[in-house]
PDB file of all heavy atoms in Angstrom:
ATOM      1  N   ILE A   1     196.434  76.978  45.862  1.00  0.00           N
ATOM      2  CA  ILE A   1     195.708  75.834  46.279  1.00  0.00           C
ATOM      3  C   ILE A   1     196.630  74.611  46.213  1.00  0.00           C
ATOM      4  O   ILE A   1     196.599  73.699  47.050  1.00  0.00           O
ATOM      5  CB  ILE A   1     194.422  75.576  45.453  1.00  0.00           C
ATOM      6  CG1 ILE A   1     193.480  74.692  46.285  1.00  0.00           C
ATOM      7  CG2 ILE A   1     194.672  75.047  44.036  1.00  0.00           C
ATOM      8  CD1 ILE A   1     192.055  74.806  46.046  1.00  0.00           C
ATOM      9  N   CYS A   2     197.587  74.649  45.210  1.00  0.00           N
ATOM     10  CA  CYS A   2     198.594  73.521  45.179  1.00  0.00           C
ATOM     11  C   CYS A   2     199.419  73.493  46.436  1.00  0.00           C
ATOM     12  O   CYS A   2     199.621  72.431  47.053  1.00  0.00           O
ATOM     13  CB  CYS A   2     199.453  73.703  43.936  1.00  0.00           C
ATOM     14  SG  CYS A   2     198.615  73.504  42.389  1.00  0.00           S
ATOM     15  N   GLU A   3     199.812  74.699  46.878  1.00  0.00           N
ATOM     16  CA  GLU A   3     200.639  74.799  48.115  1.00  0.00           C
ATOM     17  C   GLU A   3     199.891  74.231  49.293  1.00  0.00           C
ATOM     18  O   GLU A   3     200.368  73.539  50.172  1.00  0.00           O
ATOM     19  CB  GLU A   3     200.948  76.270  48.408  1.00  0.00           C
ATOM     20  CG  GLU A   3     201.885  76.871  47.483  1.00  0.00           C
ATOM     21  CD  GLU A   3     203.321  76.532  47.711  1.00  0.00           C
ATOM     22  OE1 GLU A   3     203.909  76.957  48.753  1.00  0.00           O
ATOM     23  OE2 GLU A   3     203.892  75.780  46.904  1.00  0.00           O
ATOM     24  N   LEU A   4     198.561  74.582  49.388  1.00  0.00           N
ATOM     25  CA  LEU A   4     197.767  74.235  50.537  1.00  0.00           C
ATOM     26  C   LEU A   4     197.398  72.785  50.632  1.00  0.00           C
ATOM     27  O   LEU A   4     197.172  72.297  51.749  1.00  0.00           O
ATOM     28  CB  LEU A   4     196.518  75.066  50.546  1.00  0.00           C
ATOM     29  CG  LEU A   4     196.638  76.592  50.819  1.00  0.00           C
ATOM     30  CD1 LEU A   4     195.335  77.310  50.672  1.00  0.00           C
ATOM     31  CD2 LEU A   4     197.258  76.854  52.191  1.00  0.00           C
ATOM     32  N   VAL A   5     197.384  72.084  49.517  1.00  0.00           N
ATOM     33  CA  VAL A   5     196.889  70.724  49.583  1.00  0.00           C
ATOM     34  C   VAL A   5     197.995  69.636  49.363  1.00  0.00           C
ATOM     35  O   VAL A   5     197.741  68.434  49.571  1.00  0.00           O
ATOM     36  CB  VAL A   5     195.725  70.411  48.542  1.00  0.00           C
ATOM     37  CG1 VAL A   5     194.591  71.335  48.792  1.00  0.00           C
ATOM     38  CG2 VAL A   5     196.268  70.469  47.068  1.00  0.00           C
ATOM     39  N   LYS A   6     199.207  70.078  49.001  1.00  0.00           N
ATOM     40  CA  LYS A   6     200.301  69.073  48.813  1.00  0.00           C
ATOM     41  C   LYS A   6     200.527  68.331  50.114  1.00  0.00           C
ATOM     42  O   LYS A   6     200.544  68.967  51.216  1.00  0.00           O
ATOM     43  CB  LYS A   6     201.562  69.798  48.331  1.00  0.00           C
ATOM     44  CG  LYS A   6     202.461  68.893  47.505  1.00  0.00           C
ATOM     45  CD  LYS A   6     203.679  69.670  47.030  1.00  0.00           C
ATOM     46  CE  LYS A   6     203.359  70.386  45.752  1.00  0.00           C
ATOM     47  NZ  LYS A   6     204.513  71.124  45.207  1.00  0.00           N
ATOM     48  N   ASN A   7     200.633  67.043  50.019  1.00  0.00           N
ATOM     49  CA  ASN A   7     200.883  66.111  51.169  1.00  0.00           C
ATOM     50  C   ASN A   7     199.674  65.923  52.101  1.00  0.00           C
ATOM     51  O   ASN A   7     199.863  65.390  53.170  1.00  0.00           O
ATOM     52  CB  ASN A   7     202.128  66.495  51.937  1.00  0.00           C
ATOM     53  CG  ASN A   7     203.347  66.410  51.104  1.00  0.00           C
ATOM     54  OD1 ASN A   7     203.556  65.472  50.441  1.00  0.00           O
ATOM     55  ND2 ASN A   7     204.230  67.440  51.195  1.00  0.00           N
ATOM     56  N   LYS A   8     198.559  66.467  51.705  1.00  0.00           N
ATOM     57  CA  LYS A   8     197.309  66.235  52.512  1.00  0.00           C
ATOM     58  C   LYS A   8     196.615  65.047  51.947  1.00  0.00           C
ATOM     59  O   LYS A   8     196.815  64.598  50.793  1.00  0.00           O
ATOM     60  CB  LYS A   8     196.393  67.429  52.400  1.00  0.00           C
ATOM     61  CG  LYS A   8     196.826  68.635  53.291  1.00  0.00           C
ATOM     62  CD  LYS A   8     195.705  69.674  53.274  1.00  0.00           C
ATOM     63  CE  LYS A   8     195.756  70.623  54.391  1.00  0.00           C
ATOM     64  NZ  LYS A   8     196.929  71.284  54.715  1.00  0.00           N
ATOM     65  N   THR A   9     195.789  64.399  52.793  1.00  0.00           N
ATOM     66  CA  THR A   9     194.893  63.336  52.273  1.00  0.00           C
ATOM     67  C   THR A   9     193.932  63.966  51.302  1.00  0.00           C
ATOM     68  O   THR A   9     193.698  65.165  51.389  1.00  0.00           O
ATOM     69  CB  THR A   9     194.176  62.618  53.404  1.00  0.00           C
ATOM     70  OG1 THR A   9     193.156  63.448  53.966  1.00  0.00           O
ATOM     71  CG2 THR A   9     195.154  62.091  54.469  1.00  0.00           C
ATOM     72  N   LEU A  10     193.280  63.108  50.499  1.00  0.00           N
ATOM     73  CA  LEU A  10     192.334  63.630  49.507  1.00  0.00           C
ATOM     74  C   LEU A  10     191.184  64.324  50.270  1.00  0.00           C
ATOM     75  O   LEU A  10     190.696  65.428  49.830  1.00  0.00           O
ATOM     76  CB  LEU A  10     191.763  62.461  48.657  1.00  0.00           C
ATOM     77  CG  LEU A  10     192.791  61.794  47.796  1.00  0.00           C
ATOM     78  CD1 LEU A  10     192.143  60.750  46.929  1.00  0.00           C
ATOM     79  CD2 LEU A  10     193.513  62.779  46.839  1.00  0.00           C
ATOM     80  N   ASP A  11     190.721  63.739  51.312  1.00  0.00           N
ATOM     81  CA  ASP A  11     189.568  64.395  52.045  1.00  0.00           C
ATOM     82  C   ASP A  11     189.988  65.663  52.749  1.00  0.00           C
ATOM     83  O   ASP A  11     189.230  66.626  52.765  1.00  0.00           O
ATOM     84  CB  ASP A  11     189.010  63.429  53.106  1.00  0.00           C
ATOM     85  CG  ASP A  11     188.232  62.279  52.444  1.00  0.00           C
ATOM     86  OD1 ASP A  11     187.720  62.477  51.327  1.00  0.00           O
ATOM     87  OD2 ASP A  11     188.184  61.180  52.991  1.00  0.00           O
ATOM     88  N   GLU A  12     191.239  65.737  53.327  1.00  0.00           N
ATOM     89  CA  GLU A  12     191.698  67.032  53.848  1.00  0.00           C
ATOM     90  C   GLU A  12     191.795  68.036  52.751  1.00  0.00           C
ATOM     91  O   GLU A  12     191.406  69.210  52.970  1.00  0.00           O
ATOM     92  CB  GLU A  12     193.086  66.790  54.427  1.00  0.00           C
ATOM     93  CG  GLU A  12     193.107  66.061  55.787  1.00  0.00           C
ATOM     94  CD  GLU A  12     194.560  65.713  56.223  1.00  0.00           C
ATOM     95  OE1 GLU A  12     195.527  65.722  55.370  1.00  0.00           O
ATOM     96  OE2 GLU A  12     194.757  65.302  57.394  1.00  0.00           O
ATOM     97  N   ALA A  13     192.315  67.633  51.584  1.00  0.00           N
ATOM     98  CA  ALA A  13     192.461  68.550  50.476  1.00  0.00           C
ATOM     99  C   ALA A  13     191.074  69.100  50.053  1.00  0.00           C
ATOM    100  O   ALA A  13     190.973  70.297  49.782  1.00  0.00           O
ATOM    101  CB  ALA A  13     193.145  67.844  49.309  1.00  0.00           C
ATOM    102  N   LEU A  14     190.106  68.283  50.039  1.00  0.00           N
ATOM    103  CA  LEU A  14     188.751  68.689  49.582  1.00  0.00           C
ATOM    104  C   LEU A  14     188.141  69.685  50.666  1.00  0.00           C
ATOM    105  O   LEU A  14     187.197  70.396  50.334  1.00  0.00           O
ATOM    106  CB  LEU A  14     187.802  67.493  49.367  1.00  0.00           C
ATOM    107  CG  LEU A  14     188.137  66.670  48.152  1.00  0.00           C
ATOM    108  CD1 LEU A  14     187.229  65.380  48.124  1.00  0.00           C
ATOM    109  CD2 LEU A  14     187.963  67.452  46.922  1.00  0.00           C
ATOM    110  N   GLY A  15     188.687  69.657  51.877  1.00  0.00           N
ATOM    111  CA  GLY A  15     188.169  70.556  52.938  1.00  0.00           C
ATOM    112  C   GLY A  15     188.830  71.983  52.745  1.00  0.00           C
ATOM    113  O   GLY A  15     188.345  72.921  53.426  1.00  0.00           O
ATOM    114  N   VAL A  16     189.737  72.182  51.886  1.00  0.00           N
ATOM    115  CA  VAL A  16     190.362  73.504  51.617  1.00  0.00           C
ATOM    116  C   VAL A  16     189.421  74.228  50.740  1.00  0.00           C
ATOM    117  O   VAL A  16     189.156  73.860  49.586  1.00  0.00           O
ATOM    118  CB  VAL A  16     191.744  73.330  50.934  1.00  0.00           C
ATOM    119  CG1 VAL A  16     192.259  74.758  50.612  1.00  0.00           C
ATOM    120  CG2 VAL A  16     192.690  72.681  51.921  1.00  0.00           C
ATOM    121  N   GLY A  17     188.888  75.324  51.223  1.00  0.00           N
ATOM    122  CA  GLY A  17     187.889  76.101  50.465  1.00  0.00           C
ATOM    123  C   GLY A  17     188.498  77.336  49.857  1.00  0.00           C
ATOM    124  O   GLY A  17     189.668  77.734  50.104  1.00  0.00           O
ATOM    125  N   PHE A  18     187.736  77.997  48.991  1.00  0.00           N
ATOM    126  CA  PHE A  18     188.182  79.187  48.354  1.00  0.00           C
ATOM    127  C   PHE A  18     188.498  80.335  49.316  1.00  0.00           C
ATOM    128  O   PHE A  18     189.376  81.113  49.057  1.00  0.00           O
ATOM    129  CB  PHE A  18     187.186  79.644  47.234  1.00  0.00           C
ATOM    130  CG  PHE A  18     185.877  80.236  47.794  1.00  0.00           C
ATOM    131  CD1 PHE A  18     185.733  81.535  47.900  1.00  0.00           C
ATOM    132  CD2 PHE A  18     184.829  79.346  48.062  1.00  0.00           C
ATOM    133  CE1 PHE A  18     184.538  82.101  48.350  1.00  0.00           C
ATOM    134  CE2 PHE A  18     183.606  79.888  48.578  1.00  0.00           C
ATOM    135  CZ  PHE A  18     183.485  81.226  48.680  1.00  0.00           C
ATOM    136  N   LYS A  19     187.835  80.358  50.477  1.00  0.00           N
ATOM    137  CA  LYS A  19     188.132  81.398  51.508  1.00  0.00           C
ATOM    138  C   LYS A  19     189.572  81.113  52.096  1.00  0.00           C
ATOM    139  O   LYS A  19     190.255  82.113  52.359  1.00  0.00           O
ATOM    140  CB  LYS A  19     187.100  81.326  52.600  1.00  0.00           C
ATOM    141  CG  LYS A  19     185.783  81.906  52.125  1.00  0.00           C
ATOM    142  CD  LYS A  19     184.752  81.982  53.192  1.00  0.00           C
ATOM    143  CE  LYS A  19     183.386  82.587  52.735  1.00  0.00           C
ATOM    144  NZ  LYS A  19     182.271  81.947  53.348  1.00  0.00           N
ATOM    145  N   ASP A  20     189.929  79.859  52.210  1.00  0.00           N
ATOM    146  CA  ASP A  20     191.273  79.586  52.680  1.00  0.00           C
ATOM    147  C   ASP A  20     192.338  80.104  51.697  1.00  0.00           C
ATOM    148  O   ASP A  20     193.348  80.651  52.062  1.00  0.00           O
ATOM    149  CB  ASP A  20     191.469  78.070  52.878  1.00  0.00           C
ATOM    150  CG  ASP A  20     190.439  77.408  53.782  1.00  0.00           C
ATOM    151  OD1 ASP A  20     190.274  77.989  54.962  1.00  0.00           O
ATOM    152  OD2 ASP A  20     189.842  76.441  53.472  1.00  0.00           O
ATOM    153  N   VAL A  21     192.035  79.776  50.431  1.00  0.00           N
ATOM    154  CA  VAL A  21     192.977  80.228  49.335  1.00  0.00           C
ATOM    155  C   VAL A  21     193.056  81.763  49.325  1.00  0.00           C
ATOM    156  O   VAL A  21     194.184  82.299  49.389  1.00  0.00           O
ATOM    157  CB  VAL A  21     192.418  79.667  48.005  1.00  0.00           C
ATOM    158  CG1 VAL A  21     193.309  80.270  46.821  1.00  0.00           C
ATOM    159  CG2 VAL A  21     192.434  78.179  47.953  1.00  0.00           C
ATOM    160  N   ALA A  22     191.940  82.440  49.347  1.00  0.00           N
ATOM    161  CA  ALA A  22     191.928  83.897  49.340  1.00  0.00           C
ATOM    162  C   ALA A  22     192.637  84.463  50.579  1.00  0.00           C
ATOM    163  O   ALA A  22     193.435  85.348  50.528  1.00  0.00           O
ATOM    164  CB  ALA A  22     190.499  84.428  49.216  1.00  0.00           C
ATOM    165  N   GLY A  23     192.375  83.825  51.746  1.00  0.00           N
ATOM    166  CA  GLY A  23     192.938  84.293  53.006  1.00  0.00           C
ATOM    167  C   GLY A  23     194.414  84.131  52.998  1.00  0.00           C
ATOM    168  O   GLY A  23     195.168  84.984  53.451  1.00  0.00           O
ATOM    169  N   GLU A  24     194.884  83.059  52.504  1.00  0.00           N
ATOM    170  CA  GLU A  24     196.362  82.772  52.420  1.00  0.00           C
ATOM    171  C   GLU A  24     197.070  83.821  51.594  1.00  0.00           C
ATOM    172  O   GLU A  24     198.229  84.124  51.758  1.00  0.00           O
ATOM    173  CB  GLU A  24     196.665  81.401  51.833  1.00  0.00           C
ATOM    174  CG  GLU A  24     196.688  80.292  52.897  1.00  0.00           C
ATOM    175  CD  GLU A  24     197.735  80.457  54.038  1.00  0.00           C
ATOM    176  OE1 GLU A  24     198.913  80.818  53.688  1.00  0.00           O
ATOM    177  OE2 GLU A  24     197.403  80.210  55.169  1.00  0.00           O
ATOM    178  N   LEU A  25     196.345  84.266  50.578  1.00  0.00           N
ATOM    179  CA  LEU A  25     196.931  85.208  49.650  1.00  0.00           C
ATOM    180  C   LEU A  25     196.855  86.663  50.176  1.00  0.00           C
ATOM    181  O   LEU A  25     197.325  87.574  49.551  1.00  0.00           O
ATOM    182  CB  LEU A  25     196.251  85.121  48.278  1.00  0.00           C
ATOM    183  CG  LEU A  25     196.603  83.921  47.459  1.00  0.00           C
ATOM    184  CD1 LEU A  25     195.695  83.783  46.277  1.00  0.00           C
ATOM    185  CD2 LEU A  25     198.049  83.937  46.951  1.00  0.00           C
ATOM    186  N   GLY A  26     196.255  86.822  51.323  1.00  0.00           N
ATOM    187  CA  GLY A  26     196.250  88.109  51.926  1.00  0.00           C
ATOM    188  C   GLY A  26     195.224  89.018  51.273  1.00  0.00           C
ATOM    189  O   GLY A  26     195.470  90.128  50.916  1.00  0.00           O
ATOM    190  N   SER A  27     194.046  88.477  51.012  1.00  0.00           N
ATOM    191  CA  SER A  27     192.891  89.121  50.483  1.00  0.00           C
ATOM    192  C   SER A  27     192.981  89.299  48.960  1.00  0.00           C
ATOM    193  O   SER A  27     194.044  89.568  48.384  1.00  0.00           O
ATOM    194  CB  SER A  27     192.630  90.513  51.062  1.00  0.00           C
ATOM    195  OG  SER A  27     193.448  91.452  50.517  1.00  0.00           O
ATOM    196  N   LEU A  28     191.870  89.068  48.287  1.00  0.00           N
ATOM    197  CA  LEU A  28     191.732  89.250  46.867  1.00  0.00           C
ATOM    198  C   LEU A  28     190.637  90.309  46.630  1.00  0.00           C
ATOM    199  O   LEU A  28     189.732  90.428  47.440  1.00  0.00           O
ATOM    200  CB  LEU A  28     191.155  87.970  46.262  1.00  0.00           C
ATOM    201  CG  LEU A  28     192.154  86.798  45.922  1.00  0.00           C
ATOM    202  CD1 LEU A  28     191.347  85.580  45.561  1.00  0.00           C
ATOM    203  CD2 LEU A  28     193.173  87.174  44.882  1.00  0.00           C
ATOM    204  N   PRO A  29     190.765  91.133  45.587  1.00  0.00           N
ATOM    205  CA  PRO A  29     189.737  92.104  45.307  1.00  0.00           C
ATOM    206  C   PRO A  29     188.398  91.318  45.148  1.00  0.00           C
ATOM    207  O   PRO A  29     188.451  90.191  44.533  1.00  0.00           O
ATOM    208  CB  PRO A  29     190.191  92.710  43.990  1.00  0.00           C
ATOM    209  CG  PRO A  29     191.651  92.385  43.852  1.00  0.00           C
ATOM    210  CD  PRO A  29     191.819  91.106  44.613  1.00  0.00           C
TER     211      PRO A  29
END
């Protein structure tokens, strides 16, 4: 999540959801 929101505006950062995080990691159990 740190990787995904760095240099984003606060509102853009708040738009990053847990599905984005899981998706970026290539699926979580």
